[in-house]
Each structure stands twice: as structure tokens, then as C-alpha cells.
Protein backbone atom coordinates (compact mmCIF):
# COMPACT_ATOMS: atom_id res chain seq x y z
CA MET A 1 139.84 152.59 172.60
CA GLY A 2 137.10 152.31 170.88
CA GLY A 3 134.23 153.93 168.54
CA MET A 4 134.33 156.26 165.92
CA ALA A 5 136.08 159.92 166.77
CA ARG A 6 133.47 163.00 166.90
CA ARG A 7 134.68 165.57 165.42
CA TYR A 8 135.45 169.24 165.95
CA GLU A 9 137.65 172.21 164.57
CA VAL A 10 139.04 172.67 168.30
CA ILE A 11 138.28 170.86 171.61
CA VAL A 12 139.83 173.00 174.30
CA VAL A 13 140.50 170.46 177.55
CA GLY A 14 139.78 172.66 180.86
CA ALA A 15 137.19 175.87 181.59
CA GLY A 16 139.54 178.03 183.60
CA PRO A 17 140.58 181.72 182.17
CA ALA A 18 142.74 179.96 179.75
CA GLY A 19 140.74 177.85 177.82
CA SER A 20 137.03 179.43 178.19
CA ALA A 21 139.15 182.67 176.82
CA ALA A 22 140.11 180.67 173.72
CA ALA A 23 137.04 178.70 173.64
CA ALA A 24 135.77 182.34 173.08
CA LEU A 25 138.02 184.31 170.53
CA PHE A 26 137.38 180.47 168.62
CA ALA A 27 134.16 180.65 168.23
CA GLU A 28 134.39 184.00 167.70
CA GLN A 29 136.10 183.39 164.78
CA GLY A 30 132.92 180.49 163.44
CA ARG A 31 135.30 177.91 164.35
CA ARG A 32 133.31 174.62 165.81
CA VAL A 33 134.52 174.89 169.59
CA LEU A 34 134.25 171.90 172.14
CA VAL A 35 134.61 172.79 175.98
CA LEU A 36 135.28 169.99 177.96
CA ASP A 37 136.22 170.14 182.41
CA LYS A 38 135.66 168.01 184.42
CA ALA A 39 134.23 170.11 187.53
CA ARG A 40 130.81 171.18 187.01
CA PHE A 41 130.33 175.84 187.00
CA PRO A 42 130.65 177.85 189.40
CA ARG A 43 133.36 175.95 191.30
CA PRO A 44 135.66 176.72 193.97
CA LYS A 45 139.66 176.76 192.74
CA PRO A 46 143.25 177.53 194.81
CA CYS A 47 143.76 180.60 193.57
CA ALA A 48 145.04 183.97 194.34
CA GLU A 49 142.05 185.15 192.59
CA TYR A 50 143.44 188.48 191.62
CA ILE A 51 143.56 189.74 187.89
CA SER A 52 146.42 192.53 187.08
CA PRO A 53 145.10 195.69 185.32
CA GLY A 54 146.17 194.27 182.11
CA GLY A 55 143.66 190.85 182.60
CA VAL A 56 141.01 193.00 183.27
CA ASN A 57 141.35 194.91 179.75
CA ILE A 58 141.07 191.03 178.09
CA LEU A 59 138.27 190.77 180.64
CA ASP A 60 136.91 193.54 179.08
CA ARG A 61 137.50 192.43 175.75
CA LEU A 62 135.77 189.26 175.77
CA GLY A 63 132.71 190.44 177.79
CA ALA A 64 133.38 188.93 180.94
CA LEU A 65 133.86 192.18 182.77
CA GLU A 66 130.33 193.21 182.44
CA ARG A 67 128.89 189.40 183.37
CA ILE A 68 130.96 190.10 186.76
CA GLU A 69 130.41 193.51 187.25
CA ARG A 70 126.90 192.64 187.42
CA THR A 71 126.98 190.15 190.17
CA GLY A 72 128.40 192.79 192.66
CA GLN A 73 130.95 190.37 193.83
CA ARG A 74 134.41 192.02 193.26
CA ARG A 75 136.88 194.46 194.60
CA TRP A 76 138.96 197.22 192.30
CA LEU A 77 142.34 197.83 193.78
CA ARG A 78 144.78 200.40 192.78
CA GLY A 79 147.42 198.28 193.83
CA MET A 80 149.80 196.32 196.40
CA GLN A 81 151.21 196.70 199.14
CA VAL A 82 154.51 194.39 199.56
CA ARG A 83 155.80 194.56 203.71
CA SER A 84 159.37 192.99 204.19
CA PRO A 85 160.33 190.56 207.12
CA SER A 86 161.61 194.14 209.00
CA GLY A 87 158.25 195.84 207.87
CA ALA A 88 159.84 198.45 205.07
CA CYS A 89 156.61 198.51 202.74
CA HIS A 90 156.34 199.85 199.57
CA LEU A 91 152.77 200.40 197.70
CA VAL A 92 153.24 199.29 194.11
CA GLN A 93 150.28 201.31 192.15
CA TYR A 94 149.01 201.40 188.73
CA LEU A 95 149.21 204.48 186.74
CA ASP A 96 149.02 204.43 182.92
CA THR A 97 151.20 206.95 180.36
CA GLN A 98 148.98 209.72 181.40
CA ASN A 99 149.92 209.61 185.09
CA ARG A 100 146.22 207.74 185.42
CA GLN A 101 145.19 205.53 187.77
CA SER A 102 144.93 202.12 186.71
CA ARG A 103 142.96 199.35 188.80
CA GLY A 104 143.40 195.50 189.55
CA LEU A 105 140.44 193.52 190.00
CA SER A 106 140.24 191.02 192.83
CA VAL A 107 137.35 188.62 192.57
CA SER A 108 136.11 184.71 193.22
CA ARG A 109 136.92 182.13 190.54
CA LEU A 110 133.25 180.94 191.50
CA VAL A 111 132.31 184.35 189.88
CA LEU A 112 135.26 184.57 187.46
CA ASP A 113 135.22 181.14 185.85
CA LEU A 114 131.05 181.49 185.01
CA ALA A 115 131.48 184.56 184.28
CA LEU A 116 134.35 183.21 181.19
CA VAL A 117 132.24 179.88 180.47
CA GLU A 118 129.65 182.40 179.33
CA SER A 119 131.06 184.66 177.51
CA ALA A 120 132.33 181.60 175.72
CA GLN A 121 128.95 179.69 175.40
CA ALA A 122 127.71 183.47 174.41
CA GLN A 123 130.36 183.05 171.22
CA GLY A 124 129.12 179.52 170.49
CA ALA A 125 131.47 177.34 171.95
CA GLU A 126 130.03 174.10 173.57
CA ILE A 127 131.03 173.90 176.83
CA ARG A 128 130.71 170.14 178.79
CA GLN A 129 130.94 170.67 182.14
CA GLY A 130 131.31 167.09 184.44
CA VAL A 131 133.47 165.20 181.80
CA ARG A 132 137.35 164.39 182.06
CA ALA A 133 139.92 163.87 179.17
CA CYS A 134 142.47 161.35 179.97
CA GLY A 135 144.66 162.65 177.24
CA VAL A 136 145.37 163.25 173.77
CA TRP A 137 145.50 160.72 170.53
CA LYS A 138 147.86 160.28 167.95
CA GLN A 139 147.82 159.45 164.27
CA ASP A 140 150.68 160.17 161.75
CA GLY A 141 152.57 162.62 164.49
CA ARG A 142 150.14 164.39 164.97
CA VAL A 143 147.53 164.97 167.58
CA ARG A 144 144.17 164.29 166.44
CA GLY A 145 142.06 164.33 169.21
CA VAL A 146 141.29 163.99 172.49
CA VAL A 147 140.23 160.49 174.80
CA LEU A 148 137.41 160.45 177.72
CA SER A 149 137.42 158.72 180.35
CA GLN A 150 134.41 157.29 180.37
CA ALA A 151 135.06 153.86 178.07
CA GLY A 152 137.68 155.77 176.08
CA GLU A 153 135.93 157.22 173.96
CA ARG A 154 137.52 159.89 171.08
CA LEU A 155 136.98 162.86 170.27
CA GLU A 156 138.57 164.60 166.88
CA ALA A 157 139.52 168.09 166.56
CA ASP A 158 141.98 169.95 164.13
CA LEU A 159 143.42 171.38 167.36
CA VAL A 160 143.84 170.16 170.93
CA VAL A 161 144.17 173.09 173.52
CA GLY A 162 145.46 172.01 176.72
CA ALA A 163 144.20 174.57 179.17
CA ASP A 164 143.72 171.64 182.30
CA GLY A 165 146.14 173.19 185.27
CA LEU A 166 149.27 172.64 186.61
CA HIS A 167 148.60 168.81 186.34
CA SER A 168 147.40 168.88 182.85
CA ALA A 169 146.49 165.59 181.59
CA VAL A 170 147.57 166.72 178.17
CA ALA A 171 150.47 167.93 178.93
CA HIS A 172 151.47 164.70 180.72
CA SER A 173 150.13 162.33 178.08
CA LEU A 174 152.46 164.27 175.70
CA GLY A 175 155.36 163.89 177.99
CA LEU A 176 155.67 167.58 177.97
CA HIS A 177 155.52 168.12 181.50
CA TYR A 178 158.36 169.06 184.33
CA ARG A 179 158.92 170.35 187.50
CA PRO A 180 161.65 172.68 187.59
CA LEU A 181 164.16 172.16 190.71
CA TRP A 182 163.30 175.78 192.21
CA PRO A 183 161.41 176.98 193.89
CA ARG A 184 159.79 174.35 195.29
CA ARG A 185 156.59 175.60 196.99
CA LEU A 186 153.07 174.74 197.80
CA GLY A 187 150.21 177.44 197.99
CA LEU A 188 147.64 177.29 200.91
CA ILE A 189 143.76 179.72 200.21
CA ALA A 190 141.04 180.04 202.59
CA HIS A 191 138.47 182.81 202.54
CA PHE A 192 137.35 184.57 205.33
CA ALA A 193 134.14 186.22 206.36
CA GLY A 194 133.10 189.58 207.82
CA VAL A 195 136.58 190.56 207.92
CA THR A 196 136.83 194.59 207.68
CA TRP A 197 139.24 195.86 205.13
CA PRO A 198 138.48 199.63 204.07
CA GLU A 199 142.54 199.52 202.36
CA ASP A 200 142.03 199.63 198.67
CA TYR A 201 145.17 197.56 198.00
CA GLY A 202 145.67 194.33 198.88
CA GLN A 203 148.99 193.03 200.92
CA MET A 204 151.85 190.93 200.29
CA LEU A 205 153.96 190.03 203.26
CA LEU A 206 157.06 188.36 203.73
CA GLY A 207 157.91 186.22 206.37
CA GLN A 208 160.27 183.70 207.29
CA ARG A 209 158.32 180.39 206.25
CA GLY A 210 157.73 182.33 202.70
CA TYR A 211 155.29 185.02 202.12
CA VAL A 212 151.10 185.45 202.57
CA GLY A 213 148.84 187.42 200.02
CA ALA A 214 145.57 188.79 201.14
CA ALA A 215 142.69 190.59 199.22
CA PRO A 216 139.07 191.71 199.52
CA LEU A 217 137.41 190.15 196.97
CA ASP A 218 133.89 192.39 197.42
CA ASP A 219 132.91 195.05 199.78
CA ASP A 220 130.86 193.38 202.61
CA GLY A 221 133.61 191.29 204.55
CA LEU A 222 134.66 188.63 202.14
CA LEU A 223 138.34 188.17 201.83
CA THR A 224 140.70 185.44 200.24
CA ILE A 225 144.74 184.65 201.91
CA GLY A 226 146.89 182.85 200.20
CA LEU A 227 150.24 181.32 202.05
CA VAL A 228 153.35 180.12 199.78
CA ARG A 229 155.63 178.51 201.74
CA ARG A 230 159.02 176.37 200.62
CA MET A 231 157.64 172.33 200.15
CA PRO A 232 158.07 170.30 203.58
CA GLY A 233 160.88 167.71 203.61
CA GLY A 234 158.36 165.81 205.95
CA ARG A 235 154.92 165.51 206.23
CA LEU A 236 153.39 169.07 205.86
CA GLY A 237 150.32 168.42 208.94
CA SER A 238 146.53 169.37 207.85
CA PRO A 239 146.58 172.82 205.57
CA ALA A 240 145.01 174.82 208.84
CA ALA A 241 148.12 173.76 210.85
CA ALA A 242 150.39 175.20 207.97
CA LEU A 243 148.03 177.86 207.87
CA GLU A 244 148.36 179.21 211.31
CA VAL A 245 151.56 178.55 211.50
CA GLY A 246 152.67 180.82 208.28
CA LEU A 247 150.29 183.72 209.75
CA ALA A 248 151.85 183.32 213.13
CA ASP A 249 154.96 186.04 211.59
CA HIS A 250 152.09 188.59 210.66
CA PRO A 251 149.79 189.55 213.71
CA ASP A 252 148.35 192.58 212.41
CA LEU A 253 146.84 189.97 209.88
CA ALA A 254 146.31 187.54 212.10
CA ARG A 255 144.21 189.55 214.23
CA ARG A 256 142.15 191.30 211.52
CA LEU A 257 140.75 187.55 210.55
CA SER A 258 140.31 186.28 214.44
CA ARG A 259 137.12 188.95 213.75
CA GLY A 260 135.85 186.79 211.08
CA ARG A 261 135.25 183.35 209.70
CA ASN A 262 136.89 180.95 207.42
CA LEU A 263 134.17 179.80 205.11
CA GLY A 264 135.12 176.83 203.99
CA GLY A 265 138.64 175.18 205.54
CA VAL A 266 141.74 175.35 203.52
CA MET A 267 142.64 174.75 200.27
CA GLY A 268 145.93 173.77 198.92
CA ILE A 269 148.34 173.27 195.96
CA GLY A 270 151.45 171.89 195.13
CA PRO A 271 154.50 171.80 194.22
CA LEU A 272 153.59 175.17 192.55
CA ALA A 273 156.33 175.38 189.70
CA CYS A 274 155.64 173.45 186.60
CA GLY A 275 157.43 173.63 182.92
CA ALA A 276 156.28 172.15 179.34
CA GLN A 277 159.31 171.61 176.83
CA LYS A 278 157.11 173.16 174.48
CA VAL A 279 153.78 174.77 173.98
CA ALA A 280 152.96 173.95 171.02
CA GLY A 281 153.09 171.40 168.11
CA PRO A 282 151.25 169.47 165.22
CA GLY A 283 147.70 169.48 166.76
CA PHE A 284 148.39 171.08 170.17
CA ALA A 285 148.85 173.90 172.23
CA LEU A 286 149.33 174.39 175.85
CA LEU A 287 147.33 177.71 177.54
CA GLY A 288 147.80 178.29 181.39
CA ASP A 289 149.45 176.45 183.93
CA ALA A 290 149.35 173.51 181.78
CA ALA A 291 151.98 175.81 179.87
CA GLY A 292 154.28 176.89 182.82
CA PHE A 293 153.66 178.49 186.12
CA PHE A 294 156.60 179.69 188.00
CA ASP A 295 154.90 181.38 191.35
CA PRO A 296 152.05 183.97 192.35
CA PHE A 297 154.01 186.72 193.91
CA THR A 298 154.16 188.96 190.86
CA GLY A 299 150.41 188.09 190.24
CA GLU A 300 150.26 187.79 186.72
CA GLY A 301 148.72 183.61 186.43
CA ILE A 302 145.86 185.36 185.60
CA PHE A 303 146.33 187.60 182.82
CA ARG A 304 149.28 184.83 181.23
CA ALA A 305 146.31 183.33 180.75
CA LEU A 306 144.00 185.30 179.54
CA ARG A 307 146.92 187.16 176.83
CA GLY A 308 147.61 183.48 176.30
CA ALA A 309 144.21 182.71 174.67
CA GLU A 310 144.77 185.95 173.09
CA LEU A 311 147.99 185.54 171.40
CA LEU A 312 146.61 181.75 170.49
CA ALA A 313 143.81 182.52 168.77
CA ALA A 314 145.86 185.39 166.84
CA HIS A 315 149.57 183.61 166.07
CA LEU A 316 147.95 179.90 165.81
CA GLU A 317 150.99 179.12 163.89
CA THR A 318 153.31 180.91 165.20
CA TYR A 319 152.06 180.85 168.95
CA ALA A 320 155.45 179.86 170.47
CA ARG A 321 157.23 182.51 169.28
CA ALA A 322 154.30 185.00 170.27
CA ARG A 323 154.57 183.75 173.89
CA GLN A 324 158.77 183.51 174.31
CA ARG A 325 157.90 187.24 173.27
CA THR A 326 155.26 188.27 174.66
CA PHE A 327 155.92 186.52 178.01
CA GLY A 328 160.17 185.96 177.68
CA PRO A 329 161.46 189.18 179.29
CA LYS A 330 158.52 189.48 182.43
CA GLN A 331 159.46 186.10 183.15
CA ARG A 332 163.20 186.84 183.38
CA LEU A 333 162.45 189.83 185.76
CA VAL A 334 160.15 187.75 187.89
CA ALA A 335 163.14 185.32 188.19
CA LEU A 336 165.39 187.98 189.54
CA ILE A 337 162.37 189.24 192.13
CA GLN A 338 161.79 185.61 193.48
CA ILE A 339 165.71 186.06 194.34
CA MET A 340 164.65 189.44 196.12
CA VAL A 341 161.69 187.96 197.80
CA GLN A 342 164.01 184.94 199.41
CA THR A 343 166.51 187.15 200.63
CA PRO A 344 165.25 189.76 203.17
CA ARG A 345 167.73 192.74 203.49
CA LEU A 346 167.99 192.92 199.33
CA MET A 347 163.90 193.02 199.65
CA ASP A 348 164.37 196.00 202.61
CA PHE A 349 167.55 197.48 200.21
CA ALA A 350 165.06 197.22 197.21
CA ILE A 351 162.15 199.02 199.00
CA ASP A 352 164.33 202.08 200.10
CA ARG A 353 165.47 202.36 196.71
CA LEU A 354 161.87 202.36 195.53
CA ARG A 355 160.36 205.70 197.86
CA THR A 356 163.04 207.80 196.33
CA ARG A 357 163.07 206.60 192.31
CA ALA A 358 159.80 207.39 191.46
CA THR A 359 160.27 206.63 187.75
CA VAL A 360 161.61 203.39 188.38
CA ALA A 361 158.61 202.64 191.21
CA LYS A 362 156.10 203.72 188.54
CA GLU A 363 157.60 201.22 185.60
CA LEU A 364 157.59 198.31 188.09
CA GLY A 365 154.12 198.88 189.20
CA ASN A 366 153.11 198.70 184.95
CA VAL A 367 155.11 195.95 184.62
CA LEU A 368 153.60 193.80 187.31
CA GLY A 369 150.15 195.07 185.83
CA ASP A 370 150.71 193.87 183.15
CA LEU A 371 150.56 197.67 181.39
CA GLN A 372 154.13 198.13 179.70
CA PRO A 373 156.69 195.25 178.44
CA ALA A 374 159.52 194.22 180.87
CA ARG A 375 162.98 195.24 180.55
CA LEU A 376 165.64 193.34 182.37
CA ASP A 377 167.58 196.12 182.98
CA LEU A 378 165.06 197.63 185.68
CA ILE A 379 166.15 195.85 188.49
CA TRP A 380 170.00 197.45 188.06
CA ARG A 381 168.03 200.89 187.52
CA LEU A 382 166.31 200.06 190.80
CA ILE A 383 169.24 198.07 192.48
CA GLY A 384 172.07 199.93 191.37
CA PRO A 385 174.06 202.65 192.11
């Protein structure tokens, strides 16, 4: 590694939702902040492109929601309809403590990420696009900065934030990244134009091969489709062919899509699940998917990215504990929901119970909408006697 290190108080690797939110918050505190991202914005990103009501509230606090609204390229949703392989349905809605309707937001990552980058810049953060950080450098047992791919240039910081996604270079360079044995899944994302979607909710459709999420991204017929399926034992074949096979379980949706057009092929990412042995240590912290990702079915990925940034900025010395306290209960609940997702009869039973247990249905909607903390006994109150 050559050259004298250039110094910042905080260097954030990755300018997605987690990284840009953290940069905005640290810059607001008066810190000298640098954000590095290998991409140039706006850019597409494989993602369900859905933000829970709790995440929307954070976007508002960051000043990014106003930027998104000005584009007009978003769609407000009052909930998500879940449909089992047998056709049983339940609309998960978001209601606050006064039974007032809360809304989630469906928005392209082209729009969302640019709005957050601009919010970080507005607070004074420096953004360097098209710059790849290949890892961190350490001294005396502490992370002291990052190493850039270009000629091994070093940058120095009091804190390095790894917010660089599922394949985090920061987590890898620290030896913290691992792949869980379960669940082993991949995701396929496509965008369609010219698709009529009058409903004010998205859909999560369970099938024999996995599940499909669908949601409108604007009021003009733009739709995002996400297929999540088990990792194949052999070769997957083309992503487009795999998406077509997955949609065969959902003929109603396939017919809708046939009236539109695929805008840019199919993006793939996987394996989806990843973990980090720890999320913070001397001179570093991990955020967003770099800190661990389980499965997108319950749609809290962007919320966790944004809320994690708030926790880091507010609880720098106790970030790991604050994160576990905030996300741990819902993470355990999500693991139980995953068992139900993979057991069609149990999912049918749960959907039937939701129709008759209004209090439980409301609480589940608010937990999944990140409007209230999760309680583990929620599943028992749903499926128990």
C-alpha cells in the first residue's frame, strides 16, 4: 500500500440506502464524511423496491421522501396481499394505534438511491462515484481506513462503515462474512412497462418453486417483479427462462405481464442469505445487507438499512447491542414465518386464522410494516388454540 493516507472522520463504503443514510446523519453531526461507491448514480439494483411504512418515516426524516415525491416516480401502497399455493389470500394492511391507514412505498432503486445520495450531499458528505474500495487497512488491532483498488491508495478514517451489500468487501476483508446453511435461495428481478395495476396493494404469491412479489412502481404501468426460489443443484440456465418457469405457477400474473413488455431483461442475485460474525469492532461497523440478510419475503430490507444507519449514528459506541435490541425480536419472528412460507398447509391454516383473529392480523401488519416491535408470541396467538 503506497502513499500517505488522506484522512476523514467517517468513510462509508457503499452509497445504497444504508450508506447514504449513515453519511447524511454523520454529516449532520458535523463530521467530515466520505462515501465511496463503485457505481455511478442513478443505477439499477436487484431489489424488491418496496419500503415499509416504518422505512417511509425515516426517508421523511432524512429529507429524501420529498425528493422522491418531486419525481412522481413512486406508488403508495396500503398493504401486501399474500396468496398461498392453494389460492387462500390475506391482505396485510398497516394501521397505526388509532386505526389510521399507514402506507408503504414502492419506488425504483434508480430513484430511491439517487434521492438518498442527494440528501447526504445536502448535509455536506463528499460522494465519490465510480471508485472501488477493495478492503480495509489496520494498525495496532484497529481498522484505520480503506484501500482503493486504484494503485492501492489508502484513505484514513476514525470509522469505516461497510454498507456495500451482500458481497461486502469490507466484511470479507475483515474475515467476518459467512453463508448460512438455510435458507439457500436466489432472487430474480425484472421490470415491465404497460401493465395495468389498479390495486393499491402489492402481491406476494407463493408457489411450488418459491414465491413471486409484484408491485407497481408508478401510476403509469411500470411494475417490478421479484422471484425468489431455492438455489438449484445444477446449472440455473438463463435468468429469463428461470423467471418464466417461476411465473408458470401464477397464471393470473403471467397474463397481466404478457400485456406489457420487459424493459431490460432479468437481473439475478444470490445466494441471498448472508451473515456477519459481528457488526462492529475497533474502527469499523457494518450496515444494511453487509451486516446480514435473511430473506426478502417480509420486505424489511430497506427499513433495516435505514434504521440501522440511525442506530449507528445515535449509538456509535453501543451499536451492536442497539441493533440486536431493535432487530432481534423481528428476526426471530421472520424465521418462524419462513417455516410457514415453505409449508403450504401451515400457510393456508395461518391465512384462515387471520380472517377470524382481527387483533392478531392488525398486529402482524404493523410488525411487518415496521410500525411496532415484534413479539415472539404473535405466531402462537395466530396458530394456537
